[in-house]
Amino acid sequence: MAFLLPRWGPHKTIGRRIPPIPDYEIMFIVDPTLSDTDVENVQERLRELAVSRGAEVTSLAVWERRRLAYPIKGRRDGIYLLAEIKTEAPVVKELDEQLSVTESVLRHMIIRKDED
């Protein structure tokens, strides 16, 4: 009859590194015809959407107004906004979809920052 010996060595979960929550940068360009309060409303809408999905918004600020290299939706200028968030991939996908259908957002890009 064979005896069941206890498993030697570390348990499978001991020593495993839990991956950190990734950081993302969201750069988006809003319509230059918007007033300052409308730009603030776009910022607040993004913040509320991210926080309601469990993301942590580390910064969200108006970057600057710039001339575009080519017209986007008939606009030659745009107001750039930069947001930094900590969240998981499914939330980023949802933010991407919401920014795509927002009328006042001309263009957006979401990138994952390196862990360096």
C-alpha atoms as a PDB file:
ATOM      1  CA  MET A   1       0.000   0.000   0.000  1.00  0.00           C
ATOM      2  CA  ALA A   2       1.429   3.347  -1.033  1.00  0.00           C
ATOM      3  CA  PHE A   3       1.397   6.194   1.376  1.00  0.00           C
ATOM      4  CA  LEU A   4       0.457   9.656   0.231  1.00  0.00           C
ATOM      5  CA  LEU A   5       3.349  11.873   1.109  1.00  0.00           C
ATOM      6  CA  PRO A   6       2.939  15.603   1.515  1.00  0.00           C
ATOM      7  CA  ARG A   7       4.111  17.614  -1.421  1.00  0.00           C
ATOM      8  CA  TRP A   8       7.613  18.966  -0.841  1.00  0.00           C
ATOM      9  CA  GLY A   9       8.655  22.418  -1.860  1.00  0.00           C
ATOM     10  CA  PRO A  10       6.847  25.736  -1.979  1.00  0.00           C
ATOM     11  CA  HIS A  11       3.159  25.926  -2.593  1.00  0.00           C
ATOM     12  CA  LYS A  12       2.191  26.950  -6.105  1.00  0.00           C
ATOM     13  CA  THR A  13       1.045  30.418  -5.093  1.00  0.00           C
ATOM     14  CA  ILE A  14       3.994  31.257  -2.864  1.00  0.00           C
ATOM     15  CA  GLY A  15       6.485  33.471  -4.627  1.00  0.00           C
ATOM     16  CA  ARG A  16       4.207  34.342  -7.534  1.00  0.00           C
ATOM     17  CA  ARG A  17       4.205  37.964  -8.399  1.00  0.00           C
ATOM     18  CA  ILE A  18       0.792  39.539  -8.759  1.00  0.00           C
ATOM     19  CA  PRO A  19       0.919  41.714 -11.857  1.00  0.00           C
ATOM     20  CA  PRO A  20       0.352  45.404 -11.181  1.00  0.00           C
ATOM     21  CA  ILE A  21      -2.610  47.215 -12.648  1.00  0.00           C
ATOM     22  CA  PRO A  22      -1.385  48.713 -15.932  1.00  0.00           C
ATOM     23  CA  ASP A  23      -1.136  52.450 -16.598  1.00  0.00           C
ATOM     24  CA  TYR A  24      -2.680  53.902 -19.740  1.00  0.00           C
ATOM     25  CA  GLU A  25      -2.467  57.293 -21.428  1.00  0.00           C
ATOM     26  CA  ILE A  26      -5.425  58.626 -23.350  1.00  0.00           C
ATOM     27  CA  MET A  27      -4.793  61.504 -25.728  1.00  0.00           C
ATOM     28  CA  PHE A  28      -7.856  62.946 -27.352  1.00  0.00           C
ATOM     29  CA  ILE A  29      -8.638  65.943 -29.515  1.00  0.00           C
ATOM     30  CA  VAL A  30     -11.884  67.805 -28.983  1.00  0.00           C
ATOM     31  CA  ASP A  31     -13.710  70.239 -31.229  1.00  0.00           C
ATOM     32  CA  PRO A  32     -12.106  73.713 -31.019  1.00  0.00           C
ATOM     33  CA  THR A  33     -15.506  75.427 -31.199  1.00  0.00           C
ATOM     34  CA  LEU A  34     -16.401  74.138 -27.717  1.00  0.00           C
ATOM     35  CA  SER A  35     -16.469  76.640 -24.878  1.00  0.00           C
ATOM     36  CA  ASP A  36     -14.263  76.182 -21.816  1.00  0.00           C
ATOM     37  CA  THR A  37     -17.203  74.821 -19.826  1.00  0.00           C
ATOM     38  CA  ASP A  38     -17.974  72.295 -22.583  1.00  0.00           C
ATOM     39  CA  VAL A  39     -14.351  71.113 -22.551  1.00  0.00           C
ATOM     40  CA  GLU A  40     -14.580  70.738 -18.766  1.00  0.00           C
ATOM     41  CA  ASN A  41     -17.795  68.750 -19.246  1.00  0.00           C
ATOM     42  CA  VAL A  42     -16.000  66.382 -21.645  1.00  0.00           C
ATOM     43  CA  GLN A  43     -13.225  65.955 -19.064  1.00  0.00           C
ATOM     44  CA  GLU A  44     -15.715  65.299 -16.271  1.00  0.00           C
ATOM     45  CA  ARG A  45     -17.655  62.820 -18.418  1.00  0.00           C
ATOM     46  CA  LEU A  46     -14.491  60.814 -19.099  1.00  0.00           C
ATOM     47  CA  ARG A  47     -13.533  60.918 -15.406  1.00  0.00           C
ATOM     48  CA  GLU A  48     -16.991  59.761 -14.281  1.00  0.00           C
ATOM     49  CA  LEU A  49     -17.083  56.987 -16.873  1.00  0.00           C
ATOM     50  CA  ALA A  50     -13.648  55.701 -15.862  1.00  0.00           C
ATOM     51  CA  VAL A  51     -14.259  55.882 -12.104  1.00  0.00           C
ATOM     52  CA  SER A  52     -17.678  54.211 -12.402  1.00  0.00           C
ATOM     53  CA  ARG A  53     -15.954  51.265 -14.109  1.00  0.00           C
ATOM     54  CA  GLY A  54     -13.342  50.939 -11.358  1.00  0.00           C
ATOM     55  CA  ALA A  55     -10.471  52.863 -12.945  1.00  0.00           C
ATOM     56  CA  GLU A  56      -8.228  55.288 -11.093  1.00  0.00           C
ATOM     57  CA  VAL A  57      -7.738  58.579 -12.948  1.00  0.00           C
ATOM     58  CA  THR A  58      -4.285  59.832 -11.951  1.00  0.00           C
ATOM     59  CA  SER A  59      -4.397  62.976 -14.092  1.00  0.00           C
ATOM     60  CA  LEU A  60      -6.666  64.646 -16.619  1.00  0.00           C
ATOM     61  CA  ALA A  61      -5.745  68.004 -18.083  1.00  0.00           C
ATOM     62  CA  VAL A  62      -6.100  70.219 -21.105  1.00  0.00           C
ATOM     63  CA  TRP A  63      -2.815  70.029 -22.922  1.00  0.00           C
ATOM     64  CA  GLU A  64      -3.034  72.768 -25.543  1.00  0.00           C
ATOM     65  CA  ARG A  65      -4.838  74.049 -28.625  1.00  0.00           C
ATOM     66  CA  ARG A  66      -2.988  73.182 -31.823  1.00  0.00           C
ATOM     67  CA  ARG A  67      -3.351  73.334 -35.565  1.00  0.00           C
ATOM     68  CA  LEU A  68      -3.938  69.885 -37.048  1.00  0.00           C
ATOM     69  CA  ALA A  69      -1.753  68.471 -39.821  1.00  0.00           C
ATOM     70  CA  TYR A  70      -4.865  67.701 -41.863  1.00  0.00           C
ATOM     71  CA  PRO A  71      -8.576  68.407 -41.430  1.00  0.00           C
ATOM     72  CA  ILE A  72     -10.476  66.034 -39.147  1.00  0.00           C
ATOM     73  CA  LYS A  73     -14.262  66.215 -39.442  1.00  0.00           C
ATOM     74  CA  GLY A  74     -13.864  69.570 -41.193  1.00  0.00           C
ATOM     75  CA  ARG A  75     -11.797  71.127 -38.401  1.00  0.00           C
ATOM     76  CA  ARG A  76      -8.308  72.561 -38.870  1.00  0.00           C
ATOM     77  CA  ASP A  77      -7.639  73.129 -35.126  1.00  0.00           C
ATOM     78  CA  GLY A  78      -8.188  71.009 -32.059  1.00  0.00           C
ATOM     79  CA  ILE A  79      -7.901  71.117 -28.295  1.00  0.00           C
ATOM     80  CA  TYR A  80      -5.673  68.318 -27.007  1.00  0.00           C
ATOM     81  CA  LEU A  81      -6.439  66.642 -23.695  1.00  0.00           C
ATOM     82  CA  LEU A  82      -4.277  64.113 -21.895  1.00  0.00           C
ATOM     83  CA  ALA A  83      -5.524  61.614 -19.314  1.00  0.00           C
ATOM     84  CA  GLU A  84      -3.560  59.042 -17.333  1.00  0.00           C
ATOM     85  CA  ILE A  85      -5.477  56.150 -15.787  1.00  0.00           C
ATOM     86  CA  LYS A  86      -4.809  52.869 -13.992  1.00  0.00           C
ATOM     87  CA  THR A  87      -7.203  50.133 -15.010  1.00  0.00           C
ATOM     88  CA  GLU A  88      -7.669  46.748 -16.616  1.00  0.00           C
ATOM     89  CA  ALA A  89      -8.039  46.056 -20.362  1.00  0.00           C
ATOM     90  CA  PRO A  90     -11.841  45.568 -20.470  1.00  0.00           C
ATOM     91  CA  VAL A  91     -12.366  49.062 -19.031  1.00  0.00           C
ATOM     92  CA  VAL A  92      -9.990  50.515 -21.624  1.00  0.00           C
ATOM     93  CA  LYS A  93     -11.995  48.866 -24.394  1.00  0.00           C
ATOM     94  CA  GLU A  94     -15.194  50.387 -23.042  1.00  0.00           C
ATOM     95  CA  LEU A  95     -13.592  53.840 -22.790  1.00  0.00           C
ATOM     96  CA  ASP A  96     -12.391  53.454 -26.373  1.00  0.00           C
ATOM     97  CA  GLU A  97     -15.924  52.667 -27.549  1.00  0.00           C
ATOM     98  CA  GLN A  98     -17.393  55.616 -25.646  1.00  0.00           C
ATOM     99  CA  LEU A  99     -14.814  58.060 -27.025  1.00  0.00           C
ATOM    100  CA  SER A 100     -15.509  56.787 -30.553  1.00  0.00           C
ATOM    101  CA  VAL A 101     -19.188  57.743 -30.365  1.00  0.00           C
ATOM    102  CA  THR A 102     -18.739  61.059 -28.545  1.00  0.00           C
ATOM    103  CA  GLU A 103     -19.534  63.843 -31.023  1.00  0.00           C
ATOM    104  CA  SER A 104     -17.210  66.446 -29.517  1.00  0.00           C
ATOM    105  CA  VAL A 105     -14.145  64.139 -29.646  1.00  0.00           C
ATOM    106  CA  LEU A 106     -12.508  64.413 -33.071  1.00  0.00           C
ATOM    107  CA  ARG A 107      -9.832  61.753 -32.549  1.00  0.00           C
ATOM    108  CA  HIS A 108      -8.407  59.723 -29.687  1.00  0.00           C
ATOM    109  CA  MET A 109      -5.599  57.293 -28.946  1.00  0.00           C
ATOM    110  CA  ILE A 110      -5.103  54.996 -25.976  1.00  0.00           C
ATOM    111  CA  ILE A 111      -1.671  53.556 -25.235  1.00  0.00           C
ATOM    112  CA  ARG A 112      -0.390  51.329 -22.472  1.00  0.00           C
ATOM    113  CA  LYS A 113       2.602  52.799 -20.674  1.00  0.00           C
ATOM    114  CA  ASP A 114       5.652  50.633 -20.098  1.00  0.00           C
ATOM    115  CA  GLU A 115       6.325  49.246 -16.648  1.00  0.00           C
ATOM    116  CA  ASP A 116       9.781  50.852 -16.532  1.00  0.00           C
END
